[in-house]
Amino acid sequence: MSEEIKKSEEQKPAKVEKKKDKKPGFFAKAGKFLKELKSEISKVVWPTPKQVLNNTLVVIVVVILSAAFIGAVDALFKFLAGLIVS
């Protein structure tokens, strides 16, 4: 009987051990993220205060000009609509 058990064990394929791929935990992921963030932030070329001021003024001027243009077109259409309806 013990021979039968040995034969049946020999016929069975060996169980393949599953490797557990451990996923990094929350704190490991957060630490990695912060390290990469610090690395990327150090690569950023920050504008000087003078550049920031100049860019801000350009944006304000463009907004004012756009508003004036849209207001003028609106007034023109309002005038034309008044001529047609009257």
C-alpha atoms as a PDB file:
ATOM      1  CA  MET A   1       0.000   0.000   0.000  1.00  0.00           C
ATOM      2  CA  SER A   2       2.800   2.410   0.761  1.00  0.00           C
ATOM      3  CA  GLU A   3       4.140   1.705  -2.723  1.00  0.00           C
ATOM      4  CA  GLU A   4       0.830   2.808  -4.241  1.00  0.00           C
ATOM      5  CA  ILE A   5       0.945   6.042  -2.290  1.00  0.00           C
ATOM      6  CA  LYS A   6       4.496   6.706  -3.444  1.00  0.00           C
ATOM      7  CA  LYS A   7       3.553   6.035  -7.063  1.00  0.00           C
ATOM      8  CA  SER A   8       0.534   8.311  -6.880  1.00  0.00           C
ATOM      9  CA  GLU A   9       2.682  11.045  -5.328  1.00  0.00           C
ATOM     10  CA  GLU A  10       5.267  10.643  -8.063  1.00  0.00           C
ATOM     11  CA  GLN A  11       2.595  10.972 -10.753  1.00  0.00           C
ATOM     12  CA  LYS A  12       1.265  14.203  -9.328  1.00  0.00           C
ATOM     13  CA  PRO A  13       2.986  17.278 -10.712  1.00  0.00           C
ATOM     14  CA  ALA A  14       4.895  19.271  -8.177  1.00  0.00           C
ATOM     15  CA  LYS A  15       3.021  22.271  -6.940  1.00  0.00           C
ATOM     16  CA  VAL A  16       4.478  25.441  -8.268  1.00  0.00           C
ATOM     17  CA  GLU A  17       5.064  27.851  -5.467  1.00  0.00           C
ATOM     18  CA  LYS A  18       3.374  31.118  -6.083  1.00  0.00           C
ATOM     19  CA  LYS A  19       5.573  34.099  -5.553  1.00  0.00           C
ATOM     20  CA  LYS A  20       3.790  36.804  -3.736  1.00  0.00           C
ATOM     21  CA  ASP A  21       4.636  40.047  -5.408  1.00  0.00           C
ATOM     22  CA  LYS A  22       4.329  42.410  -2.530  1.00  0.00           C
ATOM     23  CA  LYS A  23       2.838  45.670  -3.602  1.00  0.00           C
ATOM     24  CA  PRO A  24       4.250  48.693  -1.866  1.00  0.00           C
ATOM     25  CA  GLY A  25       2.079  50.022   0.912  1.00  0.00           C
ATOM     26  CA  PHE A  26       0.427  53.399   1.155  1.00  0.00           C
ATOM     27  CA  PHE A  27       3.300  55.058   2.984  1.00  0.00           C
ATOM     28  CA  ALA A  28       5.890  53.646   0.565  1.00  0.00           C
ATOM     29  CA  LYS A  29       3.885  54.987  -2.370  1.00  0.00           C
ATOM     30  CA  ALA A  30       3.432  58.359  -0.670  1.00  0.00           C
ATOM     31  CA  GLY A  31       7.163  58.585   0.102  1.00  0.00           C
ATOM     32  CA  LYS A  32       8.070  57.729  -3.482  1.00  0.00           C
ATOM     33  CA  PHE A  33       5.596  60.307  -4.762  1.00  0.00           C
ATOM     34  CA  LEU A  34       7.029  63.040  -2.545  1.00  0.00           C
ATOM     35  CA  LYS A  35      10.607  62.237  -3.616  1.00  0.00           C
ATOM     36  CA  GLU A  36       9.615  62.397  -7.287  1.00  0.00           C
ATOM     37  CA  LEU A  37       7.661  65.603  -6.658  1.00  0.00           C
ATOM     38  CA  LYS A  38      10.703  67.245  -5.061  1.00  0.00           C
ATOM     39  CA  SER A  39      12.839  66.142  -8.008  1.00  0.00           C
ATOM     40  CA  GLU A  40      10.403  67.590 -10.558  1.00  0.00           C
ATOM     41  CA  ILE A  41       9.874  70.847  -8.658  1.00  0.00           C
ATOM     42  CA  SER A  42      13.643  71.440  -8.636  1.00  0.00           C
ATOM     43  CA  LYS A  43      13.588  71.300 -12.472  1.00  0.00           C
ATOM     44  CA  VAL A  44      11.016  74.091 -12.781  1.00  0.00           C
ATOM     45  CA  VAL A  45      12.305  77.440 -14.006  1.00  0.00           C
ATOM     46  CA  TRP A  46      10.406  79.970 -11.928  1.00  0.00           C
ATOM     47  CA  PRO A  47       9.721  83.416 -13.433  1.00  0.00           C
ATOM     48  CA  THR A  48      11.190  86.514 -11.875  1.00  0.00           C
ATOM     49  CA  PRO A  49       8.869  89.025 -10.190  1.00  0.00           C
ATOM     50  CA  LYS A  50       9.414  91.397 -13.125  1.00  0.00           C
ATOM     51  CA  GLN A  51       8.282  88.725 -15.608  1.00  0.00           C
ATOM     52  CA  VAL A  52       5.218  87.990 -13.491  1.00  0.00           C
ATOM     53  CA  LEU A  53       4.300  91.674 -13.415  1.00  0.00           C
ATOM     54  CA  ASN A  54       4.771  92.056 -17.184  1.00  0.00           C
ATOM     55  CA  ASN A  55       2.713  88.956 -17.946  1.00  0.00           C
ATOM     56  CA  THR A  56      -0.034  90.102 -15.572  1.00  0.00           C
ATOM     57  CA  LEU A  57      -0.221  93.493 -17.256  1.00  0.00           C
ATOM     58  CA  VAL A  58      -0.409  91.862 -20.696  1.00  0.00           C
ATOM     59  CA  VAL A  59      -3.294  89.676 -19.550  1.00  0.00           C
ATOM     60  CA  ILE A  60      -5.172  92.658 -18.069  1.00  0.00           C
ATOM     61  CA  VAL A  61      -4.728  94.705 -21.267  1.00  0.00           C
ATOM     62  CA  VAL A  62      -5.902  91.826 -23.466  1.00  0.00           C
ATOM     63  CA  VAL A  63      -8.977  91.281 -21.264  1.00  0.00           C
ATOM     64  CA  ILE A  64      -9.866  94.993 -21.414  1.00  0.00           C
ATOM     65  CA  LEU A  65      -9.430  95.111 -25.209  1.00  0.00           C
ATOM     66  CA  SER A  66     -11.488  91.941 -25.662  1.00  0.00           C
ATOM     67  CA  ALA A  67     -14.257  93.320 -23.467  1.00  0.00           C
ATOM     68  CA  ALA A  68     -14.276  96.600 -25.420  1.00  0.00           C
ATOM     69  CA  PHE A  69     -14.437  94.730 -28.743  1.00  0.00           C
ATOM     70  CA  ILE A  70     -17.265  92.459 -27.615  1.00  0.00           C
ATOM     71  CA  GLY A  71     -19.120  95.464 -26.162  1.00  0.00           C
ATOM     72  CA  ALA A  72     -18.759  97.368 -29.444  1.00  0.00           C
ATOM     73  CA  VAL A  73     -20.000  94.417 -31.499  1.00  0.00           C
ATOM     74  CA  ASP A  74     -22.907  93.972 -29.093  1.00  0.00           C
ATOM     75  CA  ALA A  75     -23.822  97.659 -29.370  1.00  0.00           C
ATOM     76  CA  LEU A  76     -23.638  97.448 -33.184  1.00  0.00           C
ATOM     77  CA  PHE A  77     -25.940  94.418 -33.293  1.00  0.00           C
ATOM     78  CA  LYS A  78     -28.321  96.084 -30.842  1.00  0.00           C
ATOM     79  CA  PHE A  79     -28.437  99.176 -33.072  1.00  0.00           C
ATOM     80  CA  LEU A  80     -29.002  97.061 -36.206  1.00  0.00           C
ATOM     81  CA  ALA A  81     -31.717  95.025 -34.482  1.00  0.00           C
ATOM     82  CA  GLY A  82     -33.415  98.281 -33.467  1.00  0.00           C
ATOM     83  CA  LEU A  83     -33.425  99.459 -37.093  1.00  0.00           C
ATOM     84  CA  ILE A  84     -34.896  96.190 -38.327  1.00  0.00           C
ATOM     85  CA  VAL A  85     -37.605  95.934 -35.664  1.00  0.00           C
ATOM     86  CA  SER A  86     -38.671  99.573 -35.842  1.00  0.00           C
END
